[in-house]
Amino acid sequence: SVEHLVMTVRDISDRKRLASAMREQQRT
């Protein structure tokens, strides 16, 4: 049975924003 869950998290918001901006730039 599961006693604990160990979670690690990395913030990738900047990468997502950059990818979205690049897609928008390509569409333009």
ModelCIF file with pLDDT and N, C-alpha, C, O atoms, coordinates in Angstrom:
data_MODEL
#
_entry.id   MODEL 
#
_entity.id                         1 
_entity.type                       polymer 
_entity.pdbx_number_of_molecules   1 
#
_entity_poly.entity_id                      1 
_entity_poly.type                           'polypeptide(L)' 
_entity_poly.nstd_linkage                   no 
_entity_poly.nstd_monomer                   no 
_entity_poly.pdbx_seq_one_letter_code       SVEHLVMTVRDISDRKRLASAMREQQRT 
_entity_poly.pdbx_seq_one_letter_code_can   SVEHLVMTVRDISDRKRLASAMREQQRT 
_entity_poly.pdbx_strand_id                 A 
#
loop_
_entity_poly_seq.entity_id 
_entity_poly_seq.num 
_entity_poly_seq.mon_id 
_entity_poly_seq.hetero 
1 1  SER n 
1 2  VAL n 
1 3  GLU n 
1 4  HIS n 
1 5  LEU n 
1 6  VAL n 
1 7  MET n 
1 8  THR n 
1 9  VAL n 
1 10 ARG n 
1 11 ASP n 
1 12 ILE n 
1 13 SER n 
1 14 ASP n 
1 15 ARG n 
1 16 LYS n 
1 17 ARG n 
1 18 LEU n 
1 19 ALA n 
1 20 SER n 
1 21 ALA n 
1 22 MET n 
1 23 ARG n 
1 24 GLU n 
1 25 GLN n 
1 26 GLN n 
1 27 ARG n 
1 28 THR n 
#
_struct_asym.id          A 
_struct_asym.entity_id   1 
#
loop_
_ma_qa_metric.id 
_ma_qa_metric.mode 
_ma_qa_metric.name 
_ma_qa_metric.software_group_id 
_ma_qa_metric.type 
1 global pLDDT . pLDDT 
2 local  pLDDT . pLDDT 
#
_ma_qa_metric_global.metric_id      1 
_ma_qa_metric_global.metric_value   86.68 
_ma_qa_metric_global.model_id       1 
_ma_qa_metric_global.ordinal_id     1 
#
loop_
_ma_qa_metric_local.label_asym_id 
_ma_qa_metric_local.label_comp_id 
_ma_qa_metric_local.label_seq_id 
_ma_qa_metric_local.metric_id 
_ma_qa_metric_local.metric_value 
_ma_qa_metric_local.model_id 
_ma_qa_metric_local.ordinal_id 
A SER 1  2 91.00 1 1  
A VAL 2  2 92.00 1 2  
A GLU 3  2 92.00 1 3  
A HIS 4  2 92.00 1 4  
A LEU 5  2 93.00 1 5  
A VAL 6  2 91.00 1 6  
A MET 7  2 91.00 1 7  
A THR 8  2 91.00 1 8  
A VAL 9  2 91.00 1 9  
A ARG 10 2 90.00 1 10 
A ASP 11 2 89.00 1 11 
A ILE 12 2 89.00 1 12 
A SER 13 2 86.00 1 13 
A ASP 14 2 85.00 1 14 
A ARG 15 2 86.00 1 15 
A LYS 16 2 84.00 1 16 
A ARG 17 2 84.00 1 17 
A LEU 18 2 87.00 1 18 
A ALA 19 2 83.00 1 19 
A SER 20 2 79.00 1 20 
A ALA 21 2 82.00 1 21 
A MET 22 2 87.00 1 22 
A ARG 23 2 83.00 1 23 
A GLU 24 2 83.00 1 24 
A GLN 25 2 81.00 1 25 
A GLN 26 2 83.00 1 26 
A ARG 27 2 84.00 1 27 
A THR 28 2 78.00 1 28 
#
loop_
_atom_site.group_PDB 
_atom_site.id 
_atom_site.type_symbol 
_atom_site.label_atom_id 
_atom_site.label_alt_id 
_atom_site.label_comp_id 
_atom_site.label_asym_id 
_atom_site.label_entity_id 
_atom_site.label_seq_id 
_atom_site.pdbx_PDB_ins_code 
_atom_site.Cartn_x 
_atom_site.Cartn_y 
_atom_site.Cartn_z 
_atom_site.occupancy 
_atom_site.B_iso_or_equiv 
_atom_site.pdbx_formal_charge 
_atom_site.auth_seq_id 
_atom_site.auth_comp_id 
_atom_site.auth_asym_id 
_atom_site.auth_atom_id 
_atom_site.pdbx_PDB_model_num 
ATOM 1   N N  . SER A 1 1  ? 0.845 -1.196 0.000   1.00 91.00 ? 1  SER A N  1 
ATOM 2   C CA . SER A 1 1  ? 0.000 0.000  0.000   1.00 91.00 ? 1  SER A CA 1 
ATOM 3   C C  . SER A 1 1  ? 0.882 1.247  0.000   1.00 91.00 ? 1  SER A C  1 
ATOM 4   O O  . SER A 1 1  ? 2.044 1.204  0.403   1.00 91.00 ? 1  SER A O  1 
ATOM 5   N N  . VAL A 1 2  ? 0.311 2.345  -0.455  1.00 92.00 ? 2  VAL A N  1 
ATOM 6   C CA . VAL A 1 2  ? 1.058 3.594  -0.582  1.00 92.00 ? 2  VAL A CA 1 
ATOM 7   C C  . VAL A 1 2  ? 1.053 4.320  0.748   1.00 92.00 ? 2  VAL A C  1 
ATOM 8   O O  . VAL A 1 2  ? 0.001 4.590  1.327   1.00 92.00 ? 2  VAL A O  1 
ATOM 9   N N  . GLU A 1 3  ? 2.270 4.634  1.225   1.00 92.00 ? 3  GLU A N  1 
ATOM 10  C CA . GLU A 1 3  ? 2.399 5.366  2.481   1.00 92.00 ? 3  GLU A CA 1 
ATOM 11  C C  . GLU A 1 3  ? 2.478 6.864  2.233   1.00 92.00 ? 3  GLU A C  1 
ATOM 12  O O  . GLU A 1 3  ? 1.777 7.639  2.882   1.00 92.00 ? 3  GLU A O  1 
ATOM 13  N N  . HIS A 1 4  ? 3.320 7.272  1.305   1.00 92.00 ? 4  HIS A N  1 
ATOM 14  C CA . HIS A 1 4  ? 3.470 8.686  0.973   1.00 92.00 ? 4  HIS A CA 1 
ATOM 15  C C  . HIS A 1 4  ? 3.634 8.834  -0.538  1.00 92.00 ? 4  HIS A C  1 
ATOM 16  O O  . HIS A 1 4  ? 4.023 7.903  -1.243  1.00 92.00 ? 4  HIS A O  1 
ATOM 17  N N  . LEU A 1 5  ? 3.323 10.039 -1.001  1.00 93.00 ? 5  LEU A N  1 
ATOM 18  C CA . LEU A 1 5  ? 3.626 10.443 -2.375  1.00 93.00 ? 5  LEU A CA 1 
ATOM 19  C C  . LEU A 1 5  ? 4.698 11.528 -2.318  1.00 93.00 ? 5  LEU A C  1 
ATOM 20  O O  . LEU A 1 5  ? 4.572 12.506 -1.581  1.00 93.00 ? 5  LEU A O  1 
ATOM 21  N N  . VAL A 1 6  ? 5.748 11.339 -3.103  1.00 91.00 ? 6  VAL A N  1 
ATOM 22  C CA . VAL A 1 6  ? 6.822 12.327 -3.175  1.00 91.00 ? 6  VAL A CA 1 
ATOM 23  C C  . VAL A 1 6  ? 6.702 13.049 -4.522  1.00 91.00 ? 6  VAL A C  1 
ATOM 24  O O  . VAL A 1 6  ? 6.772 12.425 -5.581  1.00 91.00 ? 6  VAL A O  1 
ATOM 25  N N  . MET A 1 7  ? 6.519 14.375 -4.465  1.00 91.00 ? 7  MET A N  1 
ATOM 26  C CA . MET A 1 7  ? 6.290 15.167 -5.675  1.00 91.00 ? 7  MET A CA 1 
ATOM 27  C C  . MET A 1 7  ? 7.436 16.165 -5.882  1.00 91.00 ? 7  MET A C  1 
ATOM 28  O O  . MET A 1 7  ? 7.859 16.842 -4.945  1.00 91.00 ? 7  MET A O  1 
ATOM 29  N N  . THR A 1 8  ? 7.923 16.241 -7.111  1.00 91.00 ? 8  THR A N  1 
ATOM 30  C CA . THR A 1 8  ? 8.883 17.292 -7.503  1.00 91.00 ? 8  THR A CA 1 
ATOM 31  C C  . THR A 1 8  ? 8.257 18.094 -8.635  1.00 91.00 ? 8  THR A C  1 
ATOM 32  O O  . THR A 1 8  ? 7.587 17.538 -9.505  1.00 91.00 ? 8  THR A O  1 
ATOM 33  N N  . VAL A 1 9  ? 8.481 19.400 -8.615  1.00 91.00 ? 9  VAL A N  1 
ATOM 34  C CA . VAL A 1 9  ? 7.820 20.312 -9.552  1.00 91.00 ? 9  VAL A CA 1 
ATOM 35  C C  . VAL A 1 9  ? 8.848 21.298 -10.096 1.00 91.00 ? 9  VAL A C  1 
ATOM 36  O O  . VAL A 1 9  ? 9.630 21.866 -9.334  1.00 91.00 ? 9  VAL A O  1 
ATOM 37  N N  . ARG A 1 10 ? 8.848 21.501 -11.404 1.00 90.00 ? 10 ARG A N  1 
ATOM 38  C CA . ARG A 1 10 ? 9.668 22.530 -12.044 1.00 90.00 ? 10 ARG A CA 1 
ATOM 39  C C  . ARG A 1 10 ? 8.749 23.513 -12.762 1.00 90.00 ? 10 ARG A C  1 
ATOM 40  O O  . ARG A 1 10 ? 7.827 23.107 -13.468 1.00 90.00 ? 10 ARG A O  1 
ATOM 41  N N  . ASP A 1 11 ? 9.007 24.812 -12.577 1.00 89.00 ? 11 ASP A N  1 
ATOM 42  C CA . ASP A 1 11 ? 8.221 25.866 -13.217 1.00 89.00 ? 11 ASP A CA 1 
ATOM 43  C C  . ASP A 1 11 ? 8.668 25.993 -14.681 1.00 89.00 ? 11 ASP A C  1 
ATOM 44  O O  . ASP A 1 11 ? 9.819 26.334 -14.955 1.00 89.00 ? 11 ASP A O  1 
ATOM 45  N N  . ILE A 1 12 ? 7.754 25.716 -15.613 1.00 89.00 ? 12 ILE A N  1 
ATOM 46  C CA . ILE A 1 12 ? 8.072 25.815 -17.050 1.00 89.00 ? 12 ILE A CA 1 
ATOM 47  C C  . ILE A 1 12 ? 7.222 26.886 -17.730 1.00 89.00 ? 12 ILE A C  1 
ATOM 48  O O  . ILE A 1 12 ? 7.000 26.834 -18.940 1.00 89.00 ? 12 ILE A O  1 
ATOM 49  N N  . SER A 1 13 ? 6.748 27.857 -16.946 1.00 86.00 ? 13 SER A N  1 
ATOM 50  C CA . SER A 1 13 ? 5.874 28.894 -17.514 1.00 86.00 ? 13 SER A CA 1 
ATOM 51  C C  . SER A 1 13 ? 6.593 29.697 -18.581 1.00 86.00 ? 13 SER A C  1 
ATOM 52  O O  . SER A 1 13 ? 6.015 30.008 -19.623 1.00 86.00 ? 13 SER A O  1 
ATOM 53  N N  . ASP A 1 14 ? 7.876 30.042 -18.324 1.00 85.00 ? 14 ASP A N  1 
ATOM 54  C CA . ASP A 1 14 ? 8.619 30.839 -19.308 1.00 85.00 ? 14 ASP A CA 1 
ATOM 55  C C  . ASP A 1 14 ? 8.759 30.084 -20.619 1.00 85.00 ? 14 ASP A C  1 
ATOM 56  O O  . ASP A 1 14 ? 8.620 30.662 -21.697 1.00 85.00 ? 14 ASP A O  1 
ATOM 57  N N  . ARG A 1 15 ? 9.034 28.800 -20.521 1.00 86.00 ? 15 ARG A N  1 
ATOM 58  C CA . ARG A 1 15 ? 9.166 28.003 -21.740 1.00 86.00 ? 15 ARG A CA 1 
ATOM 59  C C  . ARG A 1 15 ? 7.849 27.955 -22.504 1.00 86.00 ? 15 ARG A C  1 
ATOM 60  O O  . ARG A 1 15 ? 7.844 28.062 -23.730 1.00 86.00 ? 15 ARG A O  1 
ATOM 61  N N  . LYS A 1 16 ? 6.755 27.800 -21.811 1.00 84.00 ? 16 LYS A N  1 
ATOM 62  C CA . LYS A 1 16 ? 5.440 27.760 -22.457 1.00 84.00 ? 16 LYS A CA 1 
ATOM 63  C C  . LYS A 1 16 ? 5.115 29.090 -23.138 1.00 84.00 ? 16 LYS A C  1 
ATOM 64  O O  . LYS A 1 16 ? 4.613 29.128 -24.262 1.00 84.00 ? 16 LYS A O  1 
ATOM 65  N N  . ARG A 1 17 ? 5.420 30.189 -22.419 1.00 84.00 ? 17 ARG A N  1 
ATOM 66  C CA . ARG A 1 17 ? 5.147 31.504 -23.012 1.00 84.00 ? 17 ARG A CA 1 
ATOM 67  C C  . ARG A 1 17 ? 5.991 31.723 -24.255 1.00 84.00 ? 17 ARG A C  1 
ATOM 68  O O  . ARG A 1 17 ? 5.512 32.258 -25.255 1.00 84.00 ? 17 ARG A O  1 
ATOM 69  N N  . LEU A 1 18 ? 7.249 31.309 -24.188 1.00 87.00 ? 18 LEU A N  1 
ATOM 70  C CA . LEU A 1 18 ? 8.130 31.470 -25.341 1.00 87.00 ? 18 LEU A CA 1 
ATOM 71  C C  . LEU A 1 18 ? 7.619 30.667 -26.533 1.00 87.00 ? 18 LEU A C  1 
ATOM 72  O O  . LEU A 1 18 ? 7.604 31.164 -27.659 1.00 87.00 ? 18 LEU A O  1 
ATOM 73  N N  . ALA A 1 19 ? 7.196 29.418 -26.285 1.00 83.00 ? 19 ALA A N  1 
ATOM 74  C CA . ALA A 1 19 ? 6.669 28.591 -27.372 1.00 83.00 ? 19 ALA A CA 1 
ATOM 75  C C  . ALA A 1 19 ? 5.411 29.218 -27.969 1.00 83.00 ? 19 ALA A C  1 
ATOM 76  O O  . ALA A 1 19 ? 5.234 29.218 -29.187 1.00 83.00 ? 19 ALA A O  1 
ATOM 77  N N  . SER A 1 20 ? 4.531 29.757 -27.110 1.00 79.00 ? 20 SER A N  1 
ATOM 78  C CA . SER A 1 20 ? 3.310 30.394 -27.599 1.00 79.00 ? 20 SER A CA 1 
ATOM 79  C C  . SER A 1 20 ? 3.635 31.628 -28.425 1.00 79.00 ? 20 SER A C  1 
ATOM 80  O O  . SER A 1 20 ? 3.024 31.865 -29.467 1.00 79.00 ? 20 SER A O  1 
ATOM 81  N N  . ALA A 1 21 ? 4.618 32.431 -27.946 1.00 82.00 ? 21 ALA A N  1 
ATOM 82  C CA . ALA A 1 21 ? 5.011 33.631 -28.688 1.00 82.00 ? 21 ALA A CA 1 
ATOM 83  C C  . ALA A 1 21 ? 5.592 33.269 -30.047 1.00 82.00 ? 21 ALA A C  1 
ATOM 84  O O  . ALA A 1 21 ? 5.334 33.949 -31.040 1.00 82.00 ? 21 ALA A O  1 
ATOM 85  N N  . MET A 1 22 ? 6.377 32.196 -30.087 1.00 87.00 ? 22 MET A N  1 
ATOM 86  C CA . MET A 1 22 ? 6.966 31.771 -31.364 1.00 87.00 ? 22 MET A CA 1 
ATOM 87  C C  . MET A 1 22 ? 5.900 31.297 -32.339 1.00 87.00 ? 22 MET A C  1 
ATOM 88  O O  . MET A 1 22 ? 5.975 31.572 -33.537 1.00 87.00 ? 22 MET A O  1 
ATOM 89  N N  . ARG A 1 23 ? 4.895 30.574 -31.813 1.00 83.00 ? 23 ARG A N  1 
ATOM 90  C CA . ARG A 1 23 ? 3.805 30.141 -32.691 1.00 83.00 ? 23 ARG A CA 1 
ATOM 91  C C  . ARG A 1 23 ? 3.027 31.336 -33.224 1.00 83.00 ? 23 ARG A C  1 
ATOM 92  O O  . ARG A 1 23 ? 2.660 31.364 -34.399 1.00 83.00 ? 23 ARG A O  1 
ATOM 93  N N  . GLU A 1 24 ? 2.774 32.318 -32.372 1.00 83.00 ? 24 GLU A N  1 
ATOM 94  C CA . GLU A 1 24 ? 2.051 33.508 -32.810 1.00 83.00 ? 24 GLU A CA 1 
ATOM 95  C C  . GLU A 1 24 ? 2.844 34.288 -33.841 1.00 83.00 ? 24 GLU A C  1 
ATOM 96  O O  . GLU A 1 24 ? 2.292 34.796 -34.817 1.00 83.00 ? 24 GLU A O  1 
ATOM 97  N N  . GLN A 1 25 ? 4.171 34.377 -33.607 1.00 81.00 ? 25 GLN A N  1 
ATOM 98  C CA . GLN A 1 25 ? 5.037 35.074 -34.565 1.00 81.00 ? 25 GLN A CA 1 
ATOM 99  C C  . GLN A 1 25 ? 5.021 34.385 -35.923 1.00 81.00 ? 25 GLN A C  1 
ATOM 100 O O  . GLN A 1 25 ? 4.998 35.043 -36.963 1.00 81.00 ? 25 GLN A O  1 
ATOM 101 N N  . GLN A 1 26 ? 5.033 33.035 -35.905 1.00 83.00 ? 26 GLN A N  1 
ATOM 102 C CA . GLN A 1 26 ? 5.005 32.289 -37.168 1.00 83.00 ? 26 GLN A CA 1 
ATOM 103 C C  . GLN A 1 26 ? 3.681 32.487 -37.891 1.00 83.00 ? 26 GLN A C  1 
ATOM 104 O O  . GLN A 1 26 ? 3.642 32.623 -39.113 1.00 83.00 ? 26 GLN A O  1 
ATOM 105 N N  . ARG A 1 27 ? 2.578 32.502 -37.110 1.00 84.00 ? 27 ARG A N  1 
ATOM 106 C CA . ARG A 1 27 ? 1.272 32.733 -37.742 1.00 84.00 ? 27 ARG A CA 1 
ATOM 107 C C  . ARG A 1 27 ? 1.216 34.118 -38.380 1.00 84.00 ? 27 ARG A C  1 
ATOM 108 O O  . ARG A 1 27 ? 0.690 34.281 -39.481 1.00 84.00 ? 27 ARG A O  1 
ATOM 109 N N  . THR A 1 28 ? 1.761 35.118 -37.681 1.00 78.00 ? 28 THR A N  1 
ATOM 110 C CA . THR A 1 28 ? 1.785 36.485 -38.224 1.00 78.00 ? 28 THR A CA 1 
ATOM 111 C C  . THR A 1 28 ? 2.619 36.544 -39.496 1.00 78.00 ? 28 THR A C  1 
ATOM 112 O O  . THR A 1 28 ? 2.755 37.610 -40.096 1.00 78.00 ? 28 THR A O  1 
#
